[in-house]
Amino acid sequence: MKLLIAFVAGLLMSLGMAISKMIDPQKVLSFLDITGNWDPSLALVMASALAVYSIGFYFVMKKPAPLFEKTFYLPTHQQIDRPLLVGAALFGIGWGMVGYCPGPAISAISSLSSGTLGFIATMIIGWFIAKSVKLPQRNKP
């Protein structure tokens, strides 16, 4: 049942990204270009997602546990540290360079465009490189 729920949630997320055009790198790059031909329409998509998430999070967290798990798995680390800042900067730079981040890229894989497939290939290579680099462990609170 957990696998089915995960599949349906992923399908809904992909559908939402496709409808909102977040899988179109040009649309994303136009949103990020605030000094040129700026397209603010993705701000509405992001604000809507944040509103739905916030309301859902409020009600879900009132429950003792998720429907198909024994406990909630929430982040425990709450410090803004160097690895977080470096990772966020790299993510933002990559997003701004090509107009893709992992979720929309995977949603757009069915387009079979060379740009999408190239992004996904380099993303997978990056995951393997990141796994091979030993970073210092964070202290748990």
N, C-alpha and C. Protein backbone atom coordinates (compact mmCIF):
# COMPACT_ATOMS: atom_id res chain seq x y z
N MET A 1 0.82 -1.20 0.00
CA MET A 1 0.00 0.00 0.00
C MET A 1 0.87 1.27 0.00
N LYS A 2 2.00 1.22 0.76
CA LYS A 2 2.88 2.39 0.81
C LYS A 2 3.42 2.72 -0.58
N LEU A 3 3.76 1.70 -1.33
CA LEU A 3 4.29 1.90 -2.67
C LEU A 3 3.25 2.53 -3.59
N LEU A 4 2.02 2.09 -3.48
CA LEU A 4 0.94 2.66 -4.28
C LEU A 4 0.71 4.14 -3.92
N ILE A 5 0.71 4.44 -2.63
CA ILE A 5 0.54 5.84 -2.18
C ILE A 5 1.68 6.70 -2.71
N ALA A 6 2.92 6.20 -2.63
CA ALA A 6 4.08 6.94 -3.13
C ALA A 6 3.95 7.17 -4.64
N PHE A 7 3.51 6.15 -5.37
CA PHE A 7 3.35 6.26 -6.81
C PHE A 7 2.30 7.32 -7.16
N VAL A 8 1.16 7.28 -6.50
CA VAL A 8 0.08 8.24 -6.77
C VAL A 8 0.54 9.66 -6.41
N ALA A 9 1.23 9.81 -5.29
CA ALA A 9 1.72 11.14 -4.89
C ALA A 9 2.72 11.66 -5.93
N GLY A 10 3.63 10.81 -6.39
CA GLY A 10 4.58 11.21 -7.42
C GLY A 10 3.91 11.55 -8.72
N LEU A 11 2.90 10.79 -9.08
CA LEU A 11 2.15 11.06 -10.30
C LEU A 11 1.44 12.41 -10.22
N LEU A 12 0.80 12.69 -9.09
CA LEU A 12 0.14 13.99 -8.90
C LEU A 12 1.14 15.14 -8.94
N MET A 13 2.31 14.93 -8.32
CA MET A 13 3.34 15.97 -8.34
C MET A 13 3.81 16.23 -9.76
N SER A 14 4.07 15.17 -10.51
CA SER A 14 4.51 15.31 -11.90
C SER A 14 3.45 16.00 -12.76
N LEU A 15 2.21 15.62 -12.55
CA LEU A 15 1.11 16.25 -13.30
C LEU A 15 1.03 17.74 -12.98
N GLY A 16 1.14 18.08 -11.72
CA GLY A 16 1.12 19.49 -11.31
C GLY A 16 2.26 20.28 -11.93
N MET A 17 3.45 19.68 -11.95
CA MET A 17 4.60 20.38 -12.55
C MET A 17 4.42 20.54 -14.06
N ALA A 18 3.83 19.54 -14.71
CA ALA A 18 3.60 19.64 -16.15
C ALA A 18 2.57 20.71 -16.46
N ILE A 19 1.46 20.72 -15.71
CA ILE A 19 0.40 21.71 -15.95
C ILE A 19 0.90 23.13 -15.70
N SER A 20 1.73 23.30 -14.66
CA SER A 20 2.23 24.64 -14.32
C SER A 20 3.41 25.05 -15.18
N LYS A 21 3.86 24.16 -16.06
CA LYS A 21 4.99 24.39 -16.98
C LYS A 21 6.34 24.47 -16.26
N MET A 22 6.42 23.93 -15.05
CA MET A 22 7.71 23.91 -14.35
C MET A 22 8.67 22.91 -14.98
N ILE A 23 8.21 22.11 -15.92
CA ILE A 23 9.10 21.19 -16.63
C ILE A 23 9.66 21.82 -17.90
N ASP A 24 9.32 23.07 -18.15
CA ASP A 24 9.83 23.80 -19.31
C ASP A 24 10.98 24.69 -18.83
N PRO A 25 12.22 24.35 -19.17
CA PRO A 25 13.35 25.14 -18.69
C PRO A 25 13.26 26.61 -19.08
N GLN A 26 12.71 26.91 -20.26
CA GLN A 26 12.60 28.32 -20.68
C GLN A 26 11.65 29.09 -19.77
N LYS A 27 10.58 28.45 -19.34
CA LYS A 27 9.63 29.09 -18.42
C LYS A 27 10.32 29.40 -17.09
N VAL A 28 11.09 28.44 -16.59
CA VAL A 28 11.79 28.63 -15.32
C VAL A 28 12.86 29.70 -15.46
N LEU A 29 13.63 29.67 -16.54
CA LEU A 29 14.67 30.68 -16.74
C LEU A 29 14.06 32.07 -16.89
N SER A 30 12.89 32.17 -17.52
CA SER A 30 12.21 33.47 -17.63
C SER A 30 11.76 33.97 -16.26
N PHE A 31 11.39 33.05 -15.39
CA PHE A 31 11.01 33.43 -14.02
C PHE A 31 12.23 33.93 -13.25
N LEU A 32 13.36 33.31 -13.47
CA LEU A 32 14.58 33.70 -12.75
C LEU A 32 15.23 34.97 -13.30
N ASP A 33 14.86 35.38 -14.50
CA ASP A 33 15.45 36.56 -15.14
C ASP A 33 14.71 37.83 -14.72
N ILE A 34 14.98 38.30 -13.51
CA ILE A 34 14.21 39.44 -12.99
C ILE A 34 14.64 40.78 -13.60
N THR A 35 15.79 40.82 -14.27
CA THR A 35 16.23 42.08 -14.89
C THR A 35 15.95 42.12 -16.38
N GLY A 36 15.48 41.04 -16.95
CA GLY A 36 15.21 40.99 -18.39
C GLY A 36 13.74 40.79 -18.67
N ASN A 37 13.43 39.75 -19.40
CA ASN A 37 12.05 39.42 -19.77
C ASN A 37 11.44 38.54 -18.68
N TRP A 38 11.17 39.14 -17.54
CA TRP A 38 10.72 38.40 -16.35
C TRP A 38 9.29 37.90 -16.52
N ASP A 39 9.08 36.62 -16.17
CA ASP A 39 7.76 36.00 -16.20
C ASP A 39 7.41 35.60 -14.77
N PRO A 40 6.56 36.37 -14.08
CA PRO A 40 6.27 36.11 -12.67
C PRO A 40 5.25 34.99 -12.43
N SER A 41 4.78 34.31 -13.47
CA SER A 41 3.69 33.35 -13.30
C SER A 41 4.06 32.17 -12.39
N LEU A 42 5.34 31.77 -12.34
CA LEU A 42 5.71 30.66 -11.46
C LEU A 42 5.65 31.06 -9.99
N ALA A 43 5.67 32.36 -9.70
CA ALA A 43 5.51 32.80 -8.31
C ALA A 43 4.13 32.37 -7.79
N LEU A 44 3.12 32.45 -8.65
CA LEU A 44 1.77 32.00 -8.26
C LEU A 44 1.76 30.50 -8.01
N VAL A 45 2.46 29.74 -8.85
CA VAL A 45 2.56 28.29 -8.66
C VAL A 45 3.20 27.99 -7.31
N MET A 46 4.31 28.67 -7.02
CA MET A 46 5.02 28.43 -5.76
C MET A 46 4.19 28.86 -4.56
N ALA A 47 3.52 30.00 -4.65
CA ALA A 47 2.68 30.47 -3.55
C ALA A 47 1.51 29.51 -3.30
N SER A 48 0.93 29.01 -4.38
CA SER A 48 -0.17 28.05 -4.24
C SER A 48 0.32 26.76 -3.59
N ALA A 49 1.48 26.28 -4.02
CA ALA A 49 2.04 25.07 -3.42
C ALA A 49 2.33 25.27 -1.94
N LEU A 50 2.88 26.41 -1.60
CA LEU A 50 3.17 26.70 -0.19
C LEU A 50 1.89 26.77 0.64
N ALA A 51 0.84 27.35 0.10
CA ALA A 51 -0.43 27.43 0.82
C ALA A 51 -1.02 26.03 1.06
N VAL A 52 -1.05 25.21 0.01
CA VAL A 52 -1.59 23.85 0.15
C VAL A 52 -0.74 23.05 1.14
N TYR A 53 0.58 23.14 1.02
CA TYR A 53 1.46 22.41 1.92
C TYR A 53 1.26 22.86 3.37
N SER A 54 1.20 24.17 3.59
CA SER A 54 1.08 24.68 4.96
C SER A 54 -0.21 24.21 5.63
N ILE A 55 -1.30 24.26 4.90
CA ILE A 55 -2.58 23.81 5.46
C ILE A 55 -2.52 22.30 5.72
N GLY A 56 -2.02 21.55 4.76
CA GLY A 56 -1.91 20.11 4.95
C GLY A 56 -1.00 19.76 6.11
N PHE A 57 0.15 20.41 6.21
CA PHE A 57 1.11 20.15 7.29
C PHE A 57 0.48 20.43 8.65
N TYR A 58 -0.28 21.51 8.75
CA TYR A 58 -0.95 21.87 10.01
C TYR A 58 -1.87 20.74 10.48
N PHE A 59 -2.68 20.22 9.58
CA PHE A 59 -3.62 19.17 9.98
C PHE A 59 -2.95 17.81 10.15
N VAL A 60 -2.00 17.49 9.30
CA VAL A 60 -1.32 16.19 9.41
C VAL A 60 -0.54 16.09 10.71
N MET A 61 0.12 17.16 11.11
CA MET A 61 0.95 17.11 12.32
C MET A 61 0.12 17.02 13.60
N LYS A 62 -1.17 17.18 13.51
CA LYS A 62 -2.04 16.99 14.67
C LYS A 62 -2.29 15.50 14.94
N LYS A 63 -1.96 14.67 13.98
CA LYS A 63 -2.14 13.21 14.11
C LYS A 63 -0.93 12.62 14.84
N PRO A 64 -1.14 11.50 15.53
CA PRO A 64 0.00 10.88 16.24
C PRO A 64 1.02 10.23 15.30
N ALA A 65 0.60 9.83 14.10
CA ALA A 65 1.50 9.18 13.15
C ALA A 65 0.87 9.26 11.75
N PRO A 66 1.68 9.10 10.71
CA PRO A 66 1.11 9.05 9.35
C PRO A 66 0.23 7.81 9.18
N LEU A 67 -0.55 7.77 8.12
CA LEU A 67 -1.46 6.65 7.90
C LEU A 67 -0.73 5.33 7.68
N PHE A 68 0.39 5.34 6.97
CA PHE A 68 1.05 4.09 6.62
C PHE A 68 2.46 3.97 7.18
N GLU A 69 2.76 4.67 8.24
CA GLU A 69 4.05 4.57 8.92
C GLU A 69 3.82 4.62 10.42
N LYS A 70 4.84 4.21 11.17
CA LYS A 70 4.72 4.20 12.63
C LYS A 70 4.99 5.57 13.24
N THR A 71 5.79 6.38 12.54
CA THR A 71 6.15 7.69 13.06
C THR A 71 6.42 8.66 11.91
N PHE A 72 6.43 9.94 12.23
CA PHE A 72 6.83 10.95 11.26
C PHE A 72 8.35 11.00 11.21
N TYR A 73 8.92 11.19 10.05
CA TYR A 73 10.36 11.33 9.91
C TYR A 73 10.64 12.79 9.56
N LEU A 74 10.94 13.56 10.59
CA LEU A 74 11.17 14.99 10.43
C LEU A 74 12.64 15.31 10.64
N PRO A 75 13.14 16.35 9.99
CA PRO A 75 14.54 16.71 10.19
C PRO A 75 14.79 17.12 11.65
N THR A 76 15.94 16.74 12.14
CA THR A 76 16.29 17.11 13.52
C THR A 76 17.35 18.20 13.54
N HIS A 77 18.13 18.30 12.49
CA HIS A 77 19.19 19.31 12.42
C HIS A 77 18.56 20.65 12.05
N GLN A 78 18.78 21.68 12.86
CA GLN A 78 18.13 22.95 12.60
C GLN A 78 19.10 24.11 12.46
N GLN A 79 20.39 23.81 12.37
CA GLN A 79 21.38 24.86 12.21
C GLN A 79 21.60 25.16 10.73
N ILE A 80 21.84 26.44 10.45
CA ILE A 80 22.25 26.83 9.11
C ILE A 80 23.77 26.79 9.12
N ASP A 81 24.33 25.78 8.45
CA ASP A 81 25.77 25.60 8.49
C ASP A 81 26.35 25.63 7.07
N ARG A 82 27.66 25.47 7.00
CA ARG A 82 28.35 25.55 5.72
C ARG A 82 27.84 24.53 4.69
N PRO A 83 27.70 23.23 5.05
CA PRO A 83 27.20 22.29 4.04
C PRO A 83 25.82 22.67 3.49
N LEU A 84 24.96 23.18 4.35
CA LEU A 84 23.64 23.61 3.88
C LEU A 84 23.76 24.78 2.91
N LEU A 85 24.56 25.77 3.26
CA LEU A 85 24.72 26.94 2.40
C LEU A 85 25.39 26.59 1.07
N VAL A 86 26.43 25.75 1.12
CA VAL A 86 27.12 25.35 -0.12
C VAL A 86 26.17 24.53 -1.00
N GLY A 87 25.45 23.60 -0.40
CA GLY A 87 24.50 22.79 -1.17
C GLY A 87 23.40 23.64 -1.79
N ALA A 88 22.87 24.59 -1.02
CA ALA A 88 21.82 25.47 -1.54
C ALA A 88 22.35 26.33 -2.67
N ALA A 89 23.57 26.83 -2.52
CA ALA A 89 24.17 27.66 -3.57
C ALA A 89 24.39 26.85 -4.84
N LEU A 90 24.91 25.63 -4.71
CA LEU A 90 25.13 24.79 -5.89
C LEU A 90 23.80 24.45 -6.57
N PHE A 91 22.79 24.14 -5.77
CA PHE A 91 21.47 23.85 -6.32
C PHE A 91 20.95 25.05 -7.10
N GLY A 92 21.02 26.24 -6.49
CA GLY A 92 20.53 27.45 -7.14
C GLY A 92 21.28 27.80 -8.41
N ILE A 93 22.60 27.64 -8.37
CA ILE A 93 23.41 27.92 -9.56
C ILE A 93 23.03 26.96 -10.69
N GLY A 94 22.92 25.68 -10.36
CA GLY A 94 22.54 24.70 -11.38
C GLY A 94 21.16 24.97 -11.93
N TRP A 95 20.22 25.31 -11.07
CA TRP A 95 18.85 25.61 -11.49
C TRP A 95 18.85 26.82 -12.42
N GLY A 96 19.62 27.85 -12.04
CA GLY A 96 19.67 29.06 -12.86
C GLY A 96 20.38 28.87 -14.18
N MET A 97 21.33 27.94 -14.22
CA MET A 97 22.06 27.71 -15.47
C MET A 97 21.22 27.00 -16.52
N VAL A 98 20.43 25.99 -16.10
CA VAL A 98 19.73 25.17 -17.09
C VAL A 98 18.21 25.19 -16.96
N GLY A 99 17.68 25.73 -15.88
CA GLY A 99 16.22 25.81 -15.73
C GLY A 99 15.58 24.52 -15.24
N TYR A 100 16.40 23.60 -14.74
CA TYR A 100 15.88 22.34 -14.21
C TYR A 100 16.36 22.13 -12.79
N CYS A 101 15.55 21.48 -12.00
CA CYS A 101 15.98 20.88 -10.75
C CYS A 101 15.48 19.44 -10.81
N PRO A 102 15.88 18.57 -9.88
CA PRO A 102 15.59 17.13 -10.04
C PRO A 102 14.13 16.76 -10.29
N GLY A 103 13.21 17.28 -9.52
CA GLY A 103 11.80 16.89 -9.68
C GLY A 103 11.25 17.17 -11.06
N PRO A 104 11.31 18.42 -11.51
CA PRO A 104 10.81 18.71 -12.86
C PRO A 104 11.57 17.97 -13.96
N ALA A 105 12.87 17.75 -13.77
CA ALA A 105 13.63 17.04 -14.80
C ALA A 105 13.12 15.61 -14.94
N ILE A 106 12.88 14.95 -13.82
CA ILE A 106 12.36 13.59 -13.88
C ILE A 106 10.95 13.58 -14.48
N SER A 107 10.15 14.61 -14.15
CA SER A 107 8.81 14.71 -14.73
C SER A 107 8.87 14.92 -16.24
N ALA A 108 9.94 15.58 -16.72
CA ALA A 108 10.05 15.90 -18.14
C ALA A 108 10.79 14.82 -18.93
N ILE A 109 11.17 13.73 -18.29
CA ILE A 109 11.97 12.70 -18.97
C ILE A 109 11.24 12.13 -20.18
N SER A 110 9.91 12.12 -20.13
CA SER A 110 9.16 11.55 -21.26
C SER A 110 9.32 12.38 -22.53
N SER A 111 9.79 13.63 -22.41
CA SER A 111 10.01 14.44 -23.61
C SER A 111 11.18 13.91 -24.44
N LEU A 112 12.07 13.16 -23.79
CA LEU A 112 13.25 12.60 -24.44
C LEU A 112 14.13 13.65 -25.11
N SER A 113 14.05 14.90 -24.64
CA SER A 113 14.89 15.94 -25.22
C SER A 113 16.33 15.73 -24.75
N SER A 114 17.27 16.10 -25.59
CA SER A 114 18.68 15.88 -25.25
C SER A 114 19.08 16.68 -24.01
N GLY A 115 18.52 17.88 -23.84
CA GLY A 115 18.82 18.68 -22.66
C GLY A 115 18.35 18.02 -21.37
N THR A 116 17.14 17.47 -21.40
CA THR A 116 16.59 16.78 -20.23
C THR A 116 17.40 15.54 -19.92
N LEU A 117 17.67 14.73 -20.93
CA LEU A 117 18.42 13.50 -20.72
C LEU A 117 19.85 13.79 -20.26
N GLY A 118 20.45 14.84 -20.80
CA GLY A 118 21.79 15.25 -20.37
C GLY A 118 21.79 15.70 -18.92
N PHE A 119 20.77 16.48 -18.53
CA PHE A 119 20.68 16.93 -17.14
C PHE A 119 20.54 15.74 -16.21
N ILE A 120 19.66 14.81 -16.54
CA ILE A 120 19.44 13.65 -15.67
C ILE A 120 20.71 12.80 -15.58
N ALA A 121 21.41 12.63 -16.69
CA ALA A 121 22.67 11.85 -16.66
C ALA A 121 23.69 12.52 -15.75
N THR A 122 23.86 13.83 -15.89
CA THR A 122 24.84 14.51 -15.03
C THR A 122 24.38 14.56 -13.58
N MET A 123 23.07 14.60 -13.35
CA MET A 123 22.55 14.56 -11.99
C MET A 123 22.90 13.22 -11.34
N ILE A 124 22.75 12.14 -12.08
CA ILE A 124 23.09 10.81 -11.54
C ILE A 124 24.59 10.71 -11.27
N ILE A 125 25.40 11.23 -12.18
CA ILE A 125 26.85 11.23 -11.95
C ILE A 125 27.17 12.04 -10.69
N GLY A 126 26.51 13.17 -10.53
CA GLY A 126 26.71 14.00 -9.33
C GLY A 126 26.33 13.27 -8.05
N TRP A 127 25.28 12.48 -8.08
CA TRP A 127 24.90 11.69 -6.89
C TRP A 127 26.01 10.72 -6.52
N PHE A 128 26.58 10.05 -7.54
CA PHE A 128 27.66 9.10 -7.26
C PHE A 128 28.90 9.81 -6.72
N ILE A 129 29.21 10.96 -7.28
CA ILE A 129 30.35 11.73 -6.77
C ILE A 129 30.10 12.16 -5.33
N ALA A 130 28.89 12.65 -5.05
CA ALA A 130 28.56 13.10 -3.70
C ALA A 130 28.64 11.95 -2.70
N LYS A 131 28.24 10.76 -3.11
CA LYS A 131 28.31 9.60 -2.21
C LYS A 131 29.75 9.20 -1.93
N SER A 132 30.65 9.47 -2.87
CA SER A 132 32.05 9.07 -2.68
C SER A 132 32.84 10.08 -1.85
N VAL A 133 32.33 11.30 -1.71
CA VAL A 133 33.01 12.33 -0.92
C VAL A 133 32.59 12.19 0.53
N LYS A 134 33.57 12.07 1.41
CA LYS A 134 33.28 11.93 2.83
C LYS A 134 33.22 13.31 3.47
N LEU A 135 32.04 13.71 3.86
CA LEU A 135 31.85 14.98 4.55
C LEU A 135 31.79 14.75 6.05
N PRO A 136 32.19 15.75 6.83
CA PRO A 136 32.09 15.58 8.29
C PRO A 136 30.63 15.39 8.70
N GLN A 137 30.41 14.52 9.67
CA GLN A 137 29.07 14.27 10.17
C GLN A 137 28.59 15.44 11.03
N ARG A 138 27.33 15.74 10.91
CA ARG A 138 26.74 16.79 11.74
C ARG A 138 26.51 16.26 13.12
N ASN A 139 26.65 17.13 14.09
CA ASN A 139 26.32 16.75 15.47
C ASN A 139 24.83 16.78 15.63
N LYS A 140 24.28 15.73 16.19
CA LYS A 140 22.83 15.69 16.42
C LYS A 140 22.51 16.50 17.66
N PRO A 141 21.39 17.24 17.63
CA PRO A 141 21.03 18.07 18.79
C PRO A 141 20.68 17.25 20.00
